Protein backbone atom coordinates (compact mmCIF):
# COMPACT_ATOMS: atom_id res chain seq x y z
CA MET A 1 -0.70 -17.73 1.14
CA ASN A 2 -4.05 -16.03 0.92
CA LYS A 3 -4.48 -12.14 1.04
CA LYS A 4 -6.37 -12.08 4.04
CA LYS A 5 -3.56 -14.04 6.14
CA SER A 6 -1.00 -11.76 4.66
CA ILE A 7 -2.44 -8.39 5.50
CA HIS A 8 -2.97 -10.10 9.01
CA ASP A 9 0.67 -10.93 9.24
CA GLU A 10 1.74 -7.47 7.99
CA ILE A 11 -0.37 -5.81 10.67
CA ALA A 12 1.08 -7.97 13.34
CA ARG A 13 4.67 -7.16 11.95
CA VAL A 14 3.60 -3.53 12.33
CA ALA A 15 2.15 -3.73 15.73
CA TYR A 16 5.24 -5.23 17.08
CA GLU A 17 7.37 -2.51 15.52
CA LEU A 18 5.13 -0.03 17.52
CA TYR A 19 5.72 -2.17 20.75
CA GLU A 20 9.37 -2.13 20.22
CA ARG A 21 9.41 1.52 19.59
CA ARG A 22 7.80 1.91 23.09
CA ASP A 23 10.69 0.16 24.57
CA ARG A 24 8.46 -3.02 24.64
CA ALA A 25 6.55 -1.55 27.28
CA ASN A 26 3.41 -3.60 28.06
CA GLY A 27 -0.10 -2.39 28.40
CA SER A 28 -0.89 -0.80 24.86
CA GLU A 29 -1.41 -3.98 22.87
CA LEU A 30 -4.92 -3.12 21.53
CA LYS A 31 -3.45 0.46 20.79
CA ASP A 32 -0.67 -0.91 18.82
CA TRP A 33 -2.78 -3.43 17.14
CA LEU A 34 -5.24 -0.54 15.94
CA GLU A 35 -2.66 1.98 14.82
CA ALA A 36 -0.79 -0.79 12.73
CA GLU A 37 -4.35 -1.96 11.24
CA LYS A 38 -4.95 1.71 10.23
CA MET A 39 -1.39 2.18 8.74
CA VAL A 40 -1.24 -1.02 6.80
CA MET A 41 -4.91 -0.41 5.27
CA GLN A 42 -3.91 3.02 4.39
CA ARG A 43 -0.74 1.74 2.60
CA HIS A 44 -2.97 -0.81 0.92
CA GLU A 45 -5.44 1.77 -0.30
CA ARG A 46 -2.85 3.99 -1.49
CA HIS A 47 -1.36 1.22 -3.53
CA ALA A 48 -4.72 0.22 -4.94
CA LYS A 49 -5.37 3.83 -6.20
CA GLU A 50 -1.92 4.06 -7.67
CA ILE A 51 -2.72 0.88 -9.54
CA GLU A 52 -6.28 2.13 -10.67
CA HIS A 53 -4.70 5.31 -11.99
CA GLU A 54 -2.04 3.57 -14.09
CA VAL A 55 -4.80 1.23 -15.54
CA ASP A 56 -6.88 4.23 -16.47
CA VAL A 57 -3.89 5.91 -18.14
CA ILE A 58 -3.10 2.71 -20.04
CA LYS A 59 -6.74 2.39 -21.10
CA GLN A 60 -6.81 6.07 -22.26
CA GLN A 61 -3.55 5.64 -24.19
CA ALA A 62 -5.23 2.71 -25.95
CA LYS A 63 -8.18 4.70 -26.83
CA GLU A 64 -5.78 7.67 -28.22
CA GLY A 65 -3.41 5.26 -29.84
CA PHE A 66 -0.08 6.27 -28.19
CA ARG A 67 2.88 4.02 -29.25
CA LYS A 68 5.30 4.00 -26.30
CA THR A 69 4.70 4.84 -22.68
CA ASP A 70 7.51 5.15 -20.21
CA LYS A 71 6.81 5.29 -16.39
CA ILE A 72 9.57 7.33 -14.58
CA GLY A 73 9.31 8.08 -10.91
CA GLY A 74 5.54 7.45 -10.70
CA ARG A 75 5.22 9.73 -13.81
CA VAL A 76 4.00 8.57 -17.02
CA TYR A 77 5.54 9.95 -20.40
CA ARG A 78 4.08 9.13 -23.61
CA ASP A 79 5.63 9.27 -27.08
C-alpha cells in the first residue's frame, strides 16, 4: 500500500471516530475531515522529527566513536 493511500485511510478512520464521538450526528462531515487531517498530519510530523533526531544522535555518536547506545523511554544513553 502506498503512503498516500495509507495516510488517506488513517484520516478517514480518525474522521469517523470524531463522527462517532458526536453521537453520529450528521452535518459536520467536512469539519470532522479537516480536524482528522490536522491530527494525522501533526502525528506524522512529530514522528518524522523524532526519527530525524534519532538519526542525528546516531551520526554524532559515530563521529565521536561511542561503543554502545541504549534507547530507553525516548532517551538515548551512551556507554
